[in-house]
Amino acid sequence: MFVPERWAEAFLAAAGGKDDVKEGIAVLRVLASLAGGIPGVVSGCAGARKLGDMIQTALDAERHGRGAEAAAGLLLLLVRRNALAHVFSVMAEIERLVDKRDGVCNVVLEYASPAGDTPGGGFIDELAGVLREKTGAREVRIESRPAPDLAGGYRLRLESGYIDASLSGLLRGMTADLNGGF
C-alpha cells in the first residue's frame, strides 16, 4: 500500500532546512511535470537509469542545494519503485506537512451567492481572524468558491473536517431529526 505521508516525511528529512525544502519543492514540481507526462518511457530499470542520468546532468549544470538533490532522489526512487503515478499526491502531502510545520491553516470557503458574487472582504478578514484564534495558526489561507447547491450560507472545509452553516445543511439536519422519530 502506497502511503504518501511516509514519502513526504522522508523528503523533508532529506531536504534539510527551510530554504532547501523550498528549493526541493520547486525542483520537484518541474521534474514531476516532465516525468509525469511520460510514465511509460521511464518505467523499468533502464528507464530509471536514463531518467537518473538526465536529472544528474541537469543538476550538475546548475548550482544546486540539498533540496534539489532530495527532489531528484525522490523522483528516481518513485520511478524505480514503479510508483511515479503517486508523485503528485506526495507533493501535496509535502506541502501539507510544510504548512502544518509553519503554522499555516488552509481553508476552503464554499458559499451560496447569486450571480457569482464573492463574500465581502470584511467577512473573509473576520473569518481569518476567528480561525487564527481558534486554531492557533500563524497564518490562515482562505480559498473561496461559489457553491450554488448550498441555497444560502456557507460551508468551511478545514483539514480536520468541515463546518456547515448553509441553508441546505440546516434542512438536511432537520429532515434527519424528523425522520428519526420521537
C-alpha atoms as a PDB file:
ATOM      1  CA  MET A   1       0.000   0.000   0.000  1.00  0.00           C
ATOM      2  CA  PHE A   2       1.403   3.378  -1.025  1.00  0.00           C
ATOM      3  CA  VAL A   3       1.480   5.924   1.828  1.00  0.00           C
ATOM      4  CA  PRO A   4       2.261   9.444   0.540  1.00  0.00           C
ATOM      5  CA  GLU A   5       2.862  10.780   4.060  1.00  0.00           C
ATOM      6  CA  ARG A   6       5.878   8.473   4.567  1.00  0.00           C
ATOM      7  CA  TRP A   7       7.409   9.575   1.283  1.00  0.00           C
ATOM      8  CA  ALA A   8       6.768  13.229   2.143  1.00  0.00           C
ATOM      9  CA  GLU A   9       8.352  12.850   5.578  1.00  0.00           C
ATOM     10  CA  ALA A  10      11.400  11.177   4.029  1.00  0.00           C
ATOM     11  CA  PHE A  11      11.723  14.010   1.501  1.00  0.00           C
ATOM     12  CA  LEU A  12      11.539  16.657   4.244  1.00  0.00           C
ATOM     13  CA  ALA A  13      14.167  14.839   6.295  1.00  0.00           C
ATOM     14  CA  ALA A  14      16.486  14.579   3.285  1.00  0.00           C
ATOM     15  CA  ALA A  15      15.929  18.164   2.119  1.00  0.00           C
ATOM     16  CA  GLY A  16      17.034  19.742   5.377  1.00  0.00           C
ATOM     17  CA  GLY A  17      16.366  23.387   6.210  1.00  0.00           C
ATOM     18  CA  LYS A  18      13.506  25.654   5.215  1.00  0.00           C
ATOM     19  CA  ASP A  19      15.266  27.169   2.179  1.00  0.00           C
ATOM     20  CA  ASP A  20      16.379  23.746   0.971  1.00  0.00           C
ATOM     21  CA  VAL A  21      12.823  22.447   1.289  1.00  0.00           C
ATOM     22  CA  LYS A  22      11.525  25.393  -0.779  1.00  0.00           C
ATOM     23  CA  GLU A  23      14.155  24.671  -3.430  1.00  0.00           C
ATOM     24  CA  GLY A  24      13.319  20.968  -3.361  1.00  0.00           C
ATOM     25  CA  ILE A  25       9.602  21.584  -3.815  1.00  0.00           C
ATOM     26  CA  ALA A  26      10.258  23.904  -6.758  1.00  0.00           C
ATOM     27  CA  VAL A  27      12.578  21.375  -8.412  1.00  0.00           C
ATOM     28  CA  LEU A  28      10.154  18.541  -7.693  1.00  0.00           C
ATOM     29  CA  ARG A  29       7.319  20.451  -9.388  1.00  0.00           C
ATOM     30  CA  VAL A  30       9.390  20.846 -12.549  1.00  0.00           C
ATOM     31  CA  LEU A  31      10.723  17.283 -12.579  1.00  0.00           C
ATOM     32  CA  ALA A  32       7.326  15.785 -11.768  1.00  0.00           C
ATOM     33  CA  SER A  33       5.614  17.674 -14.561  1.00  0.00           C
ATOM     34  CA  LEU A  34       8.256  16.482 -17.013  1.00  0.00           C
ATOM     35  CA  ALA A  35       8.441  12.879 -15.838  1.00  0.00           C
ATOM     36  CA  GLY A  36       4.724  12.626 -15.040  1.00  0.00           C
ATOM     37  CA  GLY A  37       3.908  13.219 -18.685  1.00  0.00           C
ATOM     38  CA  ILE A  38       5.951  10.244 -19.867  1.00  0.00           C
ATOM     39  CA  PRO A  39       5.345   7.392 -17.385  1.00  0.00           C
ATOM     40  CA  GLY A  40       5.671   4.623 -19.964  1.00  0.00           C
ATOM     41  CA  VAL A  41       9.074   5.878 -21.078  1.00  0.00           C
ATOM     42  CA  VAL A  42      10.626   5.941 -17.614  1.00  0.00           C
ATOM     43  CA  SER A  43       9.161   2.753 -16.212  1.00  0.00           C
ATOM     44  CA  GLY A  44      11.536  -0.072 -15.566  1.00  0.00           C
ATOM     45  CA  CYS A  45      15.190  -0.202 -14.610  1.00  0.00           C
ATOM     46  CA  ALA A  46      16.615   1.068 -17.921  1.00  0.00           C
ATOM     47  CA  GLY A  47      14.177   3.962 -17.983  1.00  0.00           C
ATOM     48  CA  ALA A  48      15.037   4.819 -14.383  1.00  0.00           C
ATOM     49  CA  ARG A  49      18.750   4.875 -15.243  1.00  0.00           C
ATOM     50  CA  LYS A  50      18.121   7.131 -18.235  1.00  0.00           C
ATOM     51  CA  LEU A  51      15.985   9.475 -16.164  1.00  0.00           C
ATOM     52  CA  GLY A  52      18.610   9.420 -13.424  1.00  0.00           C
ATOM     53  CA  ASP A  53      21.323  10.370 -15.892  1.00  0.00           C
ATOM     54  CA  MET A  54      19.192  13.216 -17.290  1.00  0.00           C
ATOM     55  CA  ILE A  55      18.417  14.550 -13.821  1.00  0.00           C
ATOM     56  CA  GLN A  56      22.045  14.293 -12.710  1.00  0.00           C
ATOM     57  CA  THR A  57      23.209  16.104 -15.845  1.00  0.00           C
ATOM     58  CA  ALA A  58      20.690  18.885 -15.200  1.00  0.00           C
ATOM     59  CA  LEU A  59      21.740  19.160 -11.550  1.00  0.00           C
ATOM     60  CA  ASP A  60      25.440  19.225 -12.470  1.00  0.00           C
ATOM     61  CA  ALA A  61      24.857  22.014 -14.992  1.00  0.00           C
ATOM     62  CA  GLU A  62      23.389  24.304 -12.346  1.00  0.00           C
ATOM     63  CA  ARG A  63      24.396  25.152  -8.828  1.00  0.00           C
ATOM     64  CA  HIS A  64      22.001  23.238  -6.624  1.00  0.00           C
ATOM     65  CA  GLY A  65      21.476  22.518  -2.979  1.00  0.00           C
ATOM     66  CA  ARG A  66      20.342  19.744  -0.765  1.00  0.00           C
ATOM     67  CA  GLY A  67      16.676  20.357  -1.645  1.00  0.00           C
ATOM     68  CA  ALA A  68      17.250  19.786  -5.364  1.00  0.00           C
ATOM     69  CA  GLU A  69      19.144  16.586  -4.635  1.00  0.00           C
ATOM     70  CA  ALA A  70      16.315  15.394  -2.356  1.00  0.00           C
ATOM     71  CA  ALA A  71      13.766  16.129  -5.108  1.00  0.00           C
ATOM     72  CA  ALA A  72      15.803  14.253  -7.695  1.00  0.00           C
ATOM     73  CA  GLY A  73      16.301  11.345  -5.313  1.00  0.00           C
ATOM     74  CA  LEU A  74      12.594  11.167  -4.503  1.00  0.00           C
ATOM     75  CA  LEU A  75      11.613  11.163  -8.147  1.00  0.00           C
ATOM     76  CA  LEU A  76      14.166   8.483  -9.020  1.00  0.00           C
ATOM     77  CA  LEU A  77      13.018   6.297  -6.150  1.00  0.00           C
ATOM     78  CA  LEU A  78       9.391   6.656  -7.250  1.00  0.00           C
ATOM     79  CA  VAL A  79      10.403   5.587 -10.758  1.00  0.00           C
ATOM     80  CA  ARG A  80      12.418   2.616  -9.507  1.00  0.00           C
ATOM     81  CA  ARG A  81       9.527   1.502  -7.291  1.00  0.00           C
ATOM     82  CA  ASN A  82       7.103   1.903 -10.219  1.00  0.00           C
ATOM     83  CA  ALA A  83       5.184   4.493  -8.204  1.00  0.00           C
ATOM     84  CA  LEU A  84       5.605   7.561 -10.409  1.00  0.00           C
ATOM     85  CA  ALA A  85       1.827   7.874 -10.658  1.00  0.00           C
ATOM     86  CA  HIS A  86       1.844   8.907  -6.965  1.00  0.00           C
ATOM     87  CA  VAL A  87       4.240  11.832  -7.373  1.00  0.00           C
ATOM     88  CA  PHE A  88       1.513  14.484  -7.235  1.00  0.00           C
ATOM     89  CA  SER A  89      -0.076  13.018  -4.097  1.00  0.00           C
ATOM     90  CA  VAL A  90       3.379  13.001  -2.463  1.00  0.00           C
ATOM     91  CA  MET A  91       3.881  16.642  -3.471  1.00  0.00           C
ATOM     92  CA  ALA A  92       0.509  17.592  -1.979  1.00  0.00           C
ATOM     93  CA  GLU A  93       1.439  15.809   1.239  1.00  0.00           C
ATOM     94  CA  ILE A  94       4.822  17.582   1.350  1.00  0.00           C
ATOM     95  CA  GLU A  95       3.083  20.944   1.034  1.00  0.00           C
ATOM     96  CA  ARG A  96       0.552  19.976   3.719  1.00  0.00           C
ATOM     97  CA  LEU A  97       3.320  18.987   6.134  1.00  0.00           C
ATOM     98  CA  VAL A  98       5.284  22.175   5.417  1.00  0.00           C
ATOM     99  CA  ASP A  99       2.166  24.275   6.036  1.00  0.00           C
ATOM    100  CA  LYS A 100       1.500  22.411   9.273  1.00  0.00           C
ATOM    101  CA  ARG A 101       5.098  22.917  10.406  1.00  0.00           C
ATOM    102  CA  ASP A 102       4.919  26.624   9.535  1.00  0.00           C
ATOM    103  CA  GLY A 103       1.595  27.165  11.319  1.00  0.00           C
ATOM    104  CA  VAL A 104      -0.488  27.682   8.179  1.00  0.00           C
ATOM    105  CA  CYS A 105      -4.170  26.744   8.181  1.00  0.00           C
ATOM    106  CA  ASN A 106      -5.648  26.169   4.708  1.00  0.00           C
ATOM    107  CA  VAL A 107      -9.405  26.608   4.443  1.00  0.00           C
ATOM    108  CA  VAL A 108     -11.860  26.298   1.581  1.00  0.00           C
ATOM    109  CA  LEU A 109     -14.871  28.563   1.900  1.00  0.00           C
ATOM    110  CA  GLU A 110     -17.823  27.422  -0.206  1.00  0.00           C
ATOM    111  CA  TYR A 111     -20.589  29.997  -0.313  1.00  0.00           C
ATOM    112  CA  ALA A 112     -24.033  30.392  -1.792  1.00  0.00           C
ATOM    113  CA  SER A 113     -24.158  33.537  -3.832  1.00  0.00           C
ATOM    114  CA  PRO A 114     -26.376  34.974  -6.504  1.00  0.00           C
ATOM    115  CA  ALA A 115     -24.674  35.765  -9.797  1.00  0.00           C
ATOM    116  CA  GLY A 116     -21.295  34.535  -8.556  1.00  0.00           C
ATOM    117  CA  ASP A 117     -20.778  37.419  -6.084  1.00  0.00           C
ATOM    118  CA  THR A 118     -17.937  36.748  -3.684  1.00  0.00           C
ATOM    119  CA  PRO A 119     -18.288  37.273   0.075  1.00  0.00           C
ATOM    120  CA  GLY A 120     -17.232  40.724   1.246  1.00  0.00           C
ATOM    121  CA  GLY A 121     -13.620  41.293   2.277  1.00  0.00           C
ATOM    122  CA  GLY A 122     -14.746  42.125   5.805  1.00  0.00           C
ATOM    123  CA  PHE A 123     -16.270  38.677   6.199  1.00  0.00           C
ATOM    124  CA  ILE A 124     -13.124  36.977   4.897  1.00  0.00           C
ATOM    125  CA  ASP A 125     -10.868  39.039   7.187  1.00  0.00           C
ATOM    126  CA  GLU A 126     -13.073  38.376  10.209  1.00  0.00           C
ATOM    127  CA  LEU A 127     -13.226  34.662   9.394  1.00  0.00           C
ATOM    128  CA  ALA A 128      -9.435  34.522   9.110  1.00  0.00           C
ATOM    129  CA  GLY A 129      -9.101  36.224  12.495  1.00  0.00           C
ATOM    130  CA  VAL A 130     -11.502  33.804  14.174  1.00  0.00           C
ATOM    131  CA  LEU A 131      -9.753  30.799  12.622  1.00  0.00           C
ATOM    132  CA  ARG A 132      -6.319  32.097  13.705  1.00  0.00           C
ATOM    133  CA  GLU A 133      -7.624  32.473  17.240  1.00  0.00           C
ATOM    134  CA  LYS A 134      -9.387  29.077  17.367  1.00  0.00           C
ATOM    135  CA  THR A 135      -6.664  27.016  15.652  1.00  0.00           C
ATOM    136  CA  GLY A 136      -3.585  28.863  16.902  1.00  0.00           C
ATOM    137  CA  ALA A 137      -2.390  29.140  13.308  1.00  0.00           C
ATOM    138  CA  ARG A 138       0.156  31.805  12.413  1.00  0.00           C
ATOM    139  CA  GLU A 139      -1.442  32.293   9.004  1.00  0.00           C
ATOM    140  CA  VAL A 140      -4.832  31.395   7.530  1.00  0.00           C
ATOM    141  CA  ARG A 141      -5.190  30.937   3.773  1.00  0.00           C
ATOM    142  CA  ILE A 142      -8.757  31.028   2.529  1.00  0.00           C
ATOM    143  CA  GLU A 143      -9.726  29.810  -0.919  1.00  0.00           C
ATOM    144  CA  SER A 144     -13.296  30.815  -1.689  1.00  0.00           C
ATOM    145  CA  ARG A 145     -15.529  29.314  -4.341  1.00  0.00           C
ATOM    146  CA  PRO A 146     -19.231  29.553  -5.143  1.00  0.00           C
ATOM    147  CA  ALA A 147     -21.449  26.560  -4.373  1.00  0.00           C
ATOM    148  CA  PRO A 148     -24.992  27.208  -5.642  1.00  0.00           C
ATOM    149  CA  ASP A 149     -26.227  23.925  -4.127  1.00  0.00           C
ATOM    150  CA  LEU A 150     -25.946  25.443  -0.629  1.00  0.00           C
ATOM    151  CA  ALA A 151     -29.071  27.603  -1.206  1.00  0.00           C
ATOM    152  CA  GLY A 152     -27.768  30.103   1.359  1.00  0.00           C
ATOM    153  CA  GLY A 153     -24.972  30.487   3.890  1.00  0.00           C
ATOM    154  CA  TYR A 154     -21.545  28.876   3.648  1.00  0.00           C
ATOM    155  CA  ARG A 155     -19.501  25.756   4.335  1.00  0.00           C
ATOM    156  CA  LEU A 156     -15.898  25.729   5.577  1.00  0.00           C
ATOM    157  CA  ARG A 157     -13.619  22.826   4.763  1.00  0.00           C
ATOM    158  CA  LEU A 158     -10.676  22.521   7.127  1.00  0.00           C
ATOM    159  CA  GLU A 159      -8.039  19.823   7.353  1.00  0.00           C
ATOM    160  CA  SER A 160      -9.785  18.346  10.384  1.00  0.00           C
ATOM    161  CA  GLY A 161     -13.316  18.424   8.956  1.00  0.00           C
ATOM    162  CA  TYR A 162     -15.910  20.934   7.921  1.00  0.00           C
ATOM    163  CA  ILE A 163     -18.393  23.410   9.321  1.00  0.00           C
ATOM    164  CA  ASP A 164     -21.706  23.562   7.510  1.00  0.00           C
ATOM    165  CA  ALA A 165     -23.551  26.842   8.071  1.00  0.00           C
ATOM    166  CA  SER A 166     -25.650  26.562   4.923  1.00  0.00           C
ATOM    167  CA  LEU A 167     -29.374  26.531   4.409  1.00  0.00           C
ATOM    168  CA  SER A 168     -29.203  23.169   2.652  1.00  0.00           C
ATOM    169  CA  GLY A 169     -27.200  21.742   5.593  1.00  0.00           C
ATOM    170  CA  LEU A 170     -29.764  23.051   8.045  1.00  0.00           C
ATOM    171  CA  LEU A 171     -32.585  21.479   6.019  1.00  0.00           C
ATOM    172  CA  ARG A 172     -30.731  18.136   5.842  1.00  0.00           C
ATOM    173  CA  GLY A 173     -30.284  18.202   9.610  1.00  0.00           C
ATOM    174  CA  MET A 174     -33.954  18.988  10.207  1.00  0.00           C
ATOM    175  CA  THR A 175     -35.005  16.199   7.837  1.00  0.00           C
ATOM    176  CA  ALA A 176     -32.767  13.712   9.636  1.00  0.00           C
ATOM    177  CA  ASP A 177     -34.215  14.792  13.018  1.00  0.00           C
ATOM    178  CA  LEU A 178     -37.772  14.416  11.757  1.00  0.00           C
ATOM    179  CA  ASN A 179     -37.080  11.029  10.195  1.00  0.00           C
ATOM    180  CA  GLY A 180     -35.518   9.866  13.470  1.00  0.00           C
ATOM    181  CA  GLY A 181     -38.931   9.928  15.123  1.00  0.00           C
ATOM    182  CA  PHE A 182     -39.968  10.905  18.597  1.00  0.00           C
END
